Amino acid sequence: MRFLLSILTIFMFAFSSMAVAQDTLKVTIEGDDKMQFNLDEIKAEAGQTVVLTLKHVGKLPKAAMGHNWVLLAQGTDINTFGAAASKFADNGYLPEDSEQVLAATDLIGGGQETTIEFTAPEAGTYDFICSFPGHYAMMKGKFIVE
């Protein structure tokens, strides 16, 4: 009987650990000196904690080839947002107090990395971009929440 109880305890612990692990999604996305992300799609579950690390695998400095990762609210026009963001160099090319930004990393240069943690929004498809001037045309993708 003790053996059976021990086995059940081990299984319960194992399954509860798996459930906790699924509550957090860890994602690493890379940007390079060719203005490209290595991922163009990220999937998450609504309400899930997302720990996103942005790595700039290029060599150019932030002033010349800075990258960030910005999750935009649904319905945000990428081109309009990108043009507006270009006016906010002192804020890492993010408009201040913008309701269009759901999550964003710091702006980084070659060889650097930064990590953010946020809660995935409600189910739907969201755009993510790099808001450094002009980069949003190529550095973009979909954040799909199920």
N, C-alpha and C. Protein backbone atom coordinates (compact mmCIF):
# COMPACT_ATOMS: atom_id res chain seq x y z
N MET A 1 0.83 -1.20 0.00
CA MET A 1 0.00 0.00 0.00
C MET A 1 0.87 1.26 0.00
N ARG A 2 1.94 1.25 0.80
CA ARG A 2 2.83 2.40 0.82
C ARG A 2 3.45 2.63 -0.55
N PHE A 3 3.79 1.54 -1.21
CA PHE A 3 4.39 1.63 -2.54
C PHE A 3 3.42 2.33 -3.51
N LEU A 4 2.18 1.91 -3.48
CA LEU A 4 1.16 2.50 -4.35
C LEU A 4 0.96 3.98 -4.02
N LEU A 5 0.93 4.30 -2.75
CA LEU A 5 0.78 5.69 -2.33
C LEU A 5 1.98 6.52 -2.78
N SER A 6 3.17 5.97 -2.69
CA SER A 6 4.38 6.67 -3.13
C SER A 6 4.34 6.94 -4.63
N ILE A 7 3.93 5.94 -5.38
CA ILE A 7 3.83 6.10 -6.84
C ILE A 7 2.80 7.18 -7.19
N LEU A 8 1.65 7.15 -6.54
CA LEU A 8 0.62 8.16 -6.79
C LEU A 8 1.13 9.57 -6.46
N THR A 9 1.86 9.68 -5.38
CA THR A 9 2.42 10.98 -4.99
C THR A 9 3.40 11.48 -6.04
N ILE A 10 4.23 10.60 -6.54
CA ILE A 10 5.20 10.97 -7.58
C ILE A 10 4.48 11.43 -8.85
N PHE A 11 3.45 10.69 -9.26
CA PHE A 11 2.69 11.08 -10.46
C PHE A 11 2.00 12.42 -10.27
N MET A 12 1.42 12.63 -9.09
CA MET A 12 0.73 13.90 -8.84
C MET A 12 1.72 15.06 -8.90
N PHE A 13 2.91 14.87 -8.32
CA PHE A 13 3.93 15.92 -8.35
C PHE A 13 4.37 16.18 -9.79
N ALA A 14 4.59 15.11 -10.55
CA ALA A 14 5.04 15.25 -11.94
C ALA A 14 4.00 16.00 -12.77
N PHE A 15 2.73 15.64 -12.65
CA PHE A 15 1.68 16.30 -13.42
C PHE A 15 1.47 17.74 -12.99
N SER A 16 1.58 18.03 -11.70
CA SER A 16 1.42 19.41 -11.25
C SER A 16 2.58 20.26 -11.74
N SER A 17 3.79 19.71 -11.83
CA SER A 17 4.93 20.45 -12.36
C SER A 17 4.74 20.74 -13.83
N MET A 18 4.18 19.79 -14.57
CA MET A 18 3.94 20.01 -16.00
C MET A 18 2.91 21.12 -16.19
N ALA A 19 1.90 21.16 -15.37
CA ALA A 19 0.87 22.20 -15.49
C ALA A 19 1.46 23.57 -15.24
N VAL A 20 2.34 23.68 -14.26
CA VAL A 20 2.98 24.96 -13.97
C VAL A 20 3.86 25.38 -15.14
N ALA A 21 4.60 24.44 -15.71
CA ALA A 21 5.49 24.75 -16.82
C ALA A 21 4.72 25.30 -18.02
N GLN A 22 3.50 24.83 -18.24
CA GLN A 22 2.72 25.29 -19.39
C GLN A 22 2.15 26.68 -19.18
N ASP A 23 2.14 27.17 -17.95
CA ASP A 23 1.65 28.52 -17.67
C ASP A 23 2.62 29.58 -18.16
N THR A 24 3.87 29.20 -18.40
CA THR A 24 4.89 30.14 -18.85
C THR A 24 5.45 29.68 -20.19
N LEU A 25 5.46 30.60 -21.13
CA LEU A 25 6.05 30.36 -22.45
C LEU A 25 7.34 31.14 -22.51
N LYS A 26 8.44 30.45 -22.78
CA LYS A 26 9.74 31.12 -22.94
C LYS A 26 10.09 31.13 -24.42
N VAL A 27 10.35 32.33 -24.92
CA VAL A 27 10.64 32.52 -26.35
C VAL A 27 11.92 33.33 -26.48
N THR A 28 12.78 32.90 -27.39
CA THR A 28 13.95 33.69 -27.75
C THR A 28 13.83 34.03 -29.22
N ILE A 29 13.93 35.30 -29.53
CA ILE A 29 13.86 35.76 -30.92
C ILE A 29 15.12 36.56 -31.19
N GLU A 30 15.68 36.37 -32.38
CA GLU A 30 16.92 37.05 -32.76
C GLU A 30 16.69 38.06 -33.86
N GLY A 31 17.38 39.18 -33.76
CA GLY A 31 17.43 40.18 -34.82
C GLY A 31 18.87 40.30 -35.27
N ASP A 32 19.08 40.65 -36.54
CA ASP A 32 20.45 40.71 -37.06
C ASP A 32 20.70 42.02 -37.82
N ASP A 33 21.90 42.13 -38.37
CA ASP A 33 22.27 43.33 -39.12
C ASP A 33 21.63 43.41 -40.50
N LYS A 34 20.91 42.39 -40.91
CA LYS A 34 20.19 42.38 -42.19
C LYS A 34 18.72 42.77 -41.99
N MET A 35 18.40 43.30 -40.82
CA MET A 35 17.03 43.70 -40.47
C MET A 35 16.05 42.54 -40.60
N GLN A 36 16.36 41.43 -39.95
CA GLN A 36 15.49 40.26 -39.99
C GLN A 36 15.35 39.67 -38.59
N PHE A 37 14.13 39.26 -38.26
CA PHE A 37 13.91 38.41 -37.10
C PHE A 37 14.04 36.97 -37.57
N ASN A 38 14.47 36.08 -36.69
CA ASN A 38 14.55 34.67 -37.07
C ASN A 38 13.20 33.95 -36.92
N LEU A 39 12.22 34.62 -36.31
CA LEU A 39 10.87 34.07 -36.18
C LEU A 39 9.87 35.05 -36.78
N ASP A 40 8.90 34.52 -37.50
CA ASP A 40 7.83 35.40 -37.99
C ASP A 40 6.47 35.01 -37.42
N GLU A 41 6.50 34.05 -36.47
CA GLU A 41 5.27 33.64 -35.81
C GLU A 41 5.59 33.10 -34.42
N ILE A 42 4.79 33.54 -33.46
CA ILE A 42 4.90 33.05 -32.08
C ILE A 42 3.48 32.70 -31.64
N LYS A 43 3.32 31.53 -31.02
CA LYS A 43 2.01 31.12 -30.54
C LYS A 43 2.01 31.05 -29.02
N ALA A 44 0.92 31.51 -28.42
CA ALA A 44 0.75 31.50 -26.97
C ALA A 44 -0.71 31.21 -26.66
N GLU A 45 -0.97 30.99 -25.39
CA GLU A 45 -2.35 30.81 -24.92
C GLU A 45 -2.79 32.07 -24.18
N ALA A 46 -4.05 32.41 -24.31
CA ALA A 46 -4.57 33.59 -23.62
C ALA A 46 -4.29 33.51 -22.13
N GLY A 47 -3.78 34.57 -21.56
CA GLY A 47 -3.49 34.62 -20.14
C GLY A 47 -2.17 34.00 -19.73
N GLN A 48 -1.47 33.40 -20.67
CA GLN A 48 -0.21 32.74 -20.38
C GLN A 48 0.88 33.79 -20.12
N THR A 49 1.76 33.51 -19.18
CA THR A 49 2.91 34.37 -18.95
C THR A 49 3.93 34.10 -20.05
N VAL A 50 4.38 35.15 -20.71
CA VAL A 50 5.36 35.04 -21.78
C VAL A 50 6.65 35.70 -21.31
N VAL A 51 7.73 34.95 -21.37
CA VAL A 51 9.06 35.48 -21.08
C VAL A 51 9.78 35.50 -22.42
N LEU A 52 9.96 36.69 -22.96
CA LEU A 52 10.52 36.85 -24.29
C LEU A 52 11.91 37.48 -24.19
N THR A 53 12.88 36.82 -24.80
CA THR A 53 14.24 37.35 -24.86
C THR A 53 14.55 37.73 -26.29
N LEU A 54 14.98 38.97 -26.48
CA LEU A 54 15.42 39.45 -27.79
C LEU A 54 16.94 39.47 -27.77
N LYS A 55 17.54 38.80 -28.75
CA LYS A 55 19.00 38.80 -28.91
C LYS A 55 19.34 39.48 -30.23
N HIS A 56 20.23 40.45 -30.16
CA HIS A 56 20.72 41.11 -31.38
C HIS A 56 22.01 40.38 -31.74
N VAL A 57 21.94 39.53 -32.74
CA VAL A 57 23.08 38.70 -33.11
C VAL A 57 24.01 39.38 -34.11
N GLY A 58 23.70 40.63 -34.45
CA GLY A 58 24.57 41.39 -35.34
C GLY A 58 25.70 42.05 -34.57
N LYS A 59 26.44 42.91 -35.29
CA LYS A 59 27.59 43.58 -34.70
C LYS A 59 27.43 45.10 -34.66
N LEU A 60 26.49 45.63 -35.41
CA LEU A 60 26.35 47.09 -35.50
C LEU A 60 25.77 47.68 -34.22
N PRO A 61 26.18 48.89 -33.87
CA PRO A 61 25.70 49.52 -32.63
C PRO A 61 24.23 49.93 -32.71
N LYS A 62 23.68 50.18 -31.55
CA LYS A 62 22.27 50.55 -31.42
C LYS A 62 21.91 51.77 -32.27
N ALA A 63 22.78 52.77 -32.32
CA ALA A 63 22.49 54.00 -33.08
C ALA A 63 22.33 53.73 -34.57
N ALA A 64 23.03 52.72 -35.08
CA ALA A 64 22.98 52.42 -36.51
C ALA A 64 21.99 51.32 -36.86
N MET A 65 21.86 50.32 -35.97
CA MET A 65 21.04 49.14 -36.28
C MET A 65 20.40 48.60 -35.01
N GLY A 66 19.75 49.48 -34.27
CA GLY A 66 19.08 49.06 -33.05
C GLY A 66 17.86 48.22 -33.34
N HIS A 67 17.56 47.30 -32.44
CA HIS A 67 16.37 46.47 -32.56
C HIS A 67 15.61 46.43 -31.24
N ASN A 68 14.30 46.34 -31.36
CA ASN A 68 13.44 46.05 -30.22
C ASN A 68 12.35 45.11 -30.72
N TRP A 69 11.53 44.65 -29.82
CA TRP A 69 10.40 43.78 -30.16
C TRP A 69 9.17 44.43 -29.53
N VAL A 70 8.20 44.75 -30.40
CA VAL A 70 7.02 45.48 -29.95
C VAL A 70 5.78 44.69 -30.35
N LEU A 71 4.93 44.37 -29.37
CA LEU A 71 3.65 43.71 -29.63
C LEU A 71 2.58 44.78 -29.71
N LEU A 72 1.89 44.81 -30.84
CA LEU A 72 0.89 45.85 -31.09
C LEU A 72 -0.53 45.34 -30.85
N ALA A 73 -1.38 46.25 -30.42
CA ALA A 73 -2.80 45.93 -30.23
C ALA A 73 -3.42 45.59 -31.58
N GLN A 74 -4.44 44.77 -31.55
CA GLN A 74 -5.15 44.42 -32.78
C GLN A 74 -5.69 45.69 -33.44
N GLY A 75 -5.62 45.71 -34.76
CA GLY A 75 -6.14 46.84 -35.51
C GLY A 75 -5.14 47.97 -35.71
N THR A 76 -3.95 47.85 -35.11
CA THR A 76 -2.93 48.88 -35.28
C THR A 76 -2.32 48.78 -36.67
N ASP A 77 -2.30 49.88 -37.39
CA ASP A 77 -1.67 49.91 -38.71
C ASP A 77 -0.15 50.01 -38.52
N ILE A 78 0.57 49.02 -39.00
CA ILE A 78 2.02 48.96 -38.79
C ILE A 78 2.72 50.18 -39.37
N ASN A 79 2.37 50.57 -40.58
CA ASN A 79 3.04 51.70 -41.23
C ASN A 79 2.79 53.01 -40.50
N THR A 80 1.57 53.25 -40.09
CA THR A 80 1.24 54.46 -39.35
C THR A 80 1.96 54.48 -38.00
N PHE A 81 1.94 53.35 -37.30
CA PHE A 81 2.61 53.25 -36.01
C PHE A 81 4.11 53.46 -36.19
N GLY A 82 4.71 52.78 -37.17
CA GLY A 82 6.15 52.89 -37.40
C GLY A 82 6.58 54.31 -37.71
N ALA A 83 5.80 55.01 -38.52
CA ALA A 83 6.12 56.40 -38.84
C ALA A 83 6.05 57.27 -37.59
N ALA A 84 5.04 57.05 -36.76
CA ALA A 84 4.91 57.82 -35.52
C ALA A 84 6.05 57.49 -34.55
N ALA A 85 6.41 56.22 -34.46
CA ALA A 85 7.46 55.78 -33.54
C ALA A 85 8.80 56.40 -33.87
N SER A 86 9.05 56.68 -35.14
CA SER A 86 10.34 57.24 -35.55
C SER A 86 10.63 58.59 -34.92
N LYS A 87 9.62 59.24 -34.39
CA LYS A 87 9.78 60.56 -33.76
C LYS A 87 10.17 60.46 -32.28
N PHE A 88 10.28 59.24 -31.76
CA PHE A 88 10.53 59.05 -30.33
C PHE A 88 11.87 58.36 -30.07
N ALA A 89 12.92 58.88 -30.68
CA ALA A 89 14.26 58.29 -30.50
C ALA A 89 14.65 58.23 -29.03
N ASP A 90 14.32 59.26 -28.27
CA ASP A 90 14.70 59.30 -26.85
C ASP A 90 13.96 58.27 -26.01
N ASN A 91 12.92 57.67 -26.57
CA ASN A 91 12.14 56.66 -25.85
C ASN A 91 12.26 55.28 -26.52
N GLY A 92 13.39 55.05 -27.19
CA GLY A 92 13.60 53.75 -27.84
C GLY A 92 12.67 53.51 -29.01
N TYR A 93 12.25 54.59 -29.66
CA TYR A 93 11.34 54.55 -30.81
C TYR A 93 9.98 53.93 -30.45
N LEU A 94 9.51 54.30 -29.26
CA LEU A 94 8.17 53.91 -28.82
C LEU A 94 7.40 55.16 -28.43
N PRO A 95 6.26 55.40 -29.06
CA PRO A 95 5.44 56.55 -28.65
C PRO A 95 5.08 56.43 -27.17
N GLU A 96 5.21 57.51 -26.45
CA GLU A 96 4.92 57.50 -25.02
C GLU A 96 3.43 57.33 -24.77
N ASP A 97 3.10 56.53 -23.77
CA ASP A 97 1.71 56.30 -23.35
C ASP A 97 0.81 55.83 -24.48
N SER A 98 1.34 55.04 -25.38
CA SER A 98 0.54 54.54 -26.50
C SER A 98 -0.26 53.31 -26.10
N GLU A 99 -1.56 53.36 -26.32
CA GLU A 99 -2.42 52.21 -26.06
C GLU A 99 -2.25 51.13 -27.12
N GLN A 100 -1.50 51.44 -28.17
CA GLN A 100 -1.25 50.48 -29.24
C GLN A 100 -0.15 49.48 -28.88
N VAL A 101 0.66 49.81 -27.88
CA VAL A 101 1.76 48.93 -27.47
C VAL A 101 1.30 48.06 -26.30
N LEU A 102 1.26 46.75 -26.53
CA LEU A 102 0.88 45.81 -25.48
C LEU A 102 2.08 45.33 -24.68
N ALA A 103 3.23 45.24 -25.33
CA ALA A 103 4.47 44.83 -24.67
C ALA A 103 5.62 45.26 -25.57
N ALA A 104 6.76 45.57 -24.97
CA ALA A 104 7.92 45.98 -25.76
C ALA A 104 9.20 45.77 -24.98
N THR A 105 10.25 45.40 -25.70
CA THR A 105 11.58 45.29 -25.10
C THR A 105 12.28 46.63 -25.21
N ASP A 106 13.40 46.72 -24.54
CA ASP A 106 14.29 47.86 -24.73
C ASP A 106 14.90 47.78 -26.12
N LEU A 107 15.41 48.89 -26.60
CA LEU A 107 16.15 48.95 -27.85
C LEU A 107 17.58 48.52 -27.56
N ILE A 108 18.11 47.58 -28.35
CA ILE A 108 19.46 47.06 -28.11
C ILE A 108 20.28 47.09 -29.38
N GLY A 109 21.60 47.04 -29.21
CA GLY A 109 22.53 47.00 -30.33
C GLY A 109 23.18 45.64 -30.47
N GLY A 110 24.07 45.53 -31.45
CA GLY A 110 24.75 44.28 -31.75
C GLY A 110 25.41 43.64 -30.53
N GLY A 111 25.20 42.34 -30.36
CA GLY A 111 25.79 41.59 -29.27
C GLY A 111 25.03 41.69 -27.95
N GLN A 112 23.96 42.47 -27.91
CA GLN A 112 23.20 42.64 -26.67
C GLN A 112 21.94 41.78 -26.68
N GLU A 113 21.36 41.62 -25.49
CA GLU A 113 20.07 40.95 -25.37
C GLU A 113 19.28 41.60 -24.24
N THR A 114 17.97 41.43 -24.30
CA THR A 114 17.07 41.97 -23.28
C THR A 114 15.89 41.03 -23.14
N THR A 115 15.31 40.98 -21.95
CA THR A 115 14.20 40.07 -21.68
C THR A 115 13.05 40.85 -21.04
N ILE A 116 11.84 40.51 -21.46
CA ILE A 116 10.63 41.07 -20.86
C ILE A 116 9.71 39.92 -20.45
N GLU A 117 8.79 40.23 -19.57
CA GLU A 117 7.76 39.28 -19.17
C GLU A 117 6.42 40.00 -19.25
N PHE A 118 5.44 39.36 -19.87
CA PHE A 118 4.11 39.94 -19.99
C PHE A 118 3.08 38.83 -20.06
N THR A 119 1.84 39.20 -19.92
CA THR A 119 0.74 38.24 -20.01
C THR A 119 0.15 38.30 -21.42
N ALA A 120 0.01 37.13 -22.04
CA ALA A 120 -0.56 37.08 -23.39
C ALA A 120 -1.99 37.63 -23.35
N PRO A 121 -2.32 38.46 -24.33
CA PRO A 121 -3.67 39.05 -24.36
C PRO A 121 -4.73 38.00 -24.74
N GLU A 122 -5.94 38.47 -24.92
CA GLU A 122 -7.04 37.56 -25.29
C GLU A 122 -6.79 36.95 -26.67
N ALA A 123 -7.50 35.87 -26.95
CA ALA A 123 -7.32 35.13 -28.20
C ALA A 123 -7.44 36.06 -29.41
N GLY A 124 -6.58 35.83 -30.37
CA GLY A 124 -6.57 36.62 -31.59
C GLY A 124 -5.18 36.63 -32.20
N THR A 125 -5.05 37.37 -33.29
CA THR A 125 -3.77 37.50 -33.97
C THR A 125 -3.30 38.94 -33.86
N TYR A 126 -2.09 39.11 -33.39
CA TYR A 126 -1.49 40.41 -33.15
C TYR A 126 -0.21 40.54 -33.98
N ASP A 127 0.13 41.75 -34.35
CA ASP A 127 1.39 41.99 -35.05
C ASP A 127 2.49 42.30 -34.06
N PHE A 128 3.70 41.84 -34.37
CA PHE A 128 4.88 42.31 -33.65
C PHE A 128 5.86 42.87 -34.66
N ILE A 129 6.61 43.89 -34.24
CA ILE A 129 7.55 44.57 -35.13
C ILE A 129 8.79 45.00 -34.35
N CYS A 130 9.78 45.48 -35.10
CA CYS A 130 10.87 46.27 -34.56
C CYS A 130 10.51 47.70 -34.95
N SER A 131 10.48 48.61 -33.97
CA SER A 131 10.03 49.98 -34.27
C SER A 131 11.17 50.95 -34.59
N PHE A 132 12.40 50.46 -34.71
CA PHE A 132 13.50 51.32 -35.16
C PHE A 132 13.13 51.83 -36.55
N PRO A 133 13.42 53.10 -36.85
CA PRO A 133 12.96 53.67 -38.13
C PRO A 133 13.24 52.79 -39.35
N GLY A 134 12.17 52.48 -40.06
CA GLY A 134 12.25 51.70 -41.29
C GLY A 134 12.29 50.19 -41.10
N HIS A 135 12.63 49.71 -39.94
CA HIS A 135 12.77 48.27 -39.73
C HIS A 135 11.44 47.53 -39.77
N TYR A 136 10.36 48.21 -39.39
CA TYR A 136 9.06 47.55 -39.32
C TYR A 136 8.59 46.99 -40.66
N ALA A 137 9.16 47.48 -41.75
CA ALA A 137 8.77 46.97 -43.08
C ALA A 137 9.23 45.53 -43.28
N MET A 138 10.35 45.16 -42.62
CA MET A 138 10.90 43.81 -42.79
C MET A 138 10.86 43.00 -41.50
N MET A 139 11.01 43.66 -40.38
CA MET A 139 11.10 42.96 -39.10
C MET A 139 9.72 42.95 -38.46
N LYS A 140 8.95 41.96 -38.85
CA LYS A 140 7.58 41.85 -38.36
C LYS A 140 7.14 40.40 -38.35
N GLY A 141 6.07 40.14 -37.62
CA GLY A 141 5.53 38.80 -37.56
C GLY A 141 4.19 38.80 -36.86
N LYS A 142 3.68 37.61 -36.64
CA LYS A 142 2.37 37.44 -35.99
C LYS A 142 2.54 36.76 -34.65
N PHE A 143 1.83 37.30 -33.67
CA PHE A 143 1.75 36.72 -32.33
C PHE A 143 0.34 36.17 -32.24
N ILE A 144 0.22 34.86 -32.28
CA ILE A 144 -1.08 34.19 -32.34
C ILE A 144 -1.45 33.67 -30.95
N VAL A 145 -2.57 34.16 -30.44
CA VAL A 145 -3.02 33.75 -29.12
C VAL A 145 -4.26 32.88 -29.29
N GLU A 146 -4.19 31.69 -28.72
CA GLU A 146 -5.30 30.72 -28.84
C GLU A 146 -6.07 30.63 -27.55
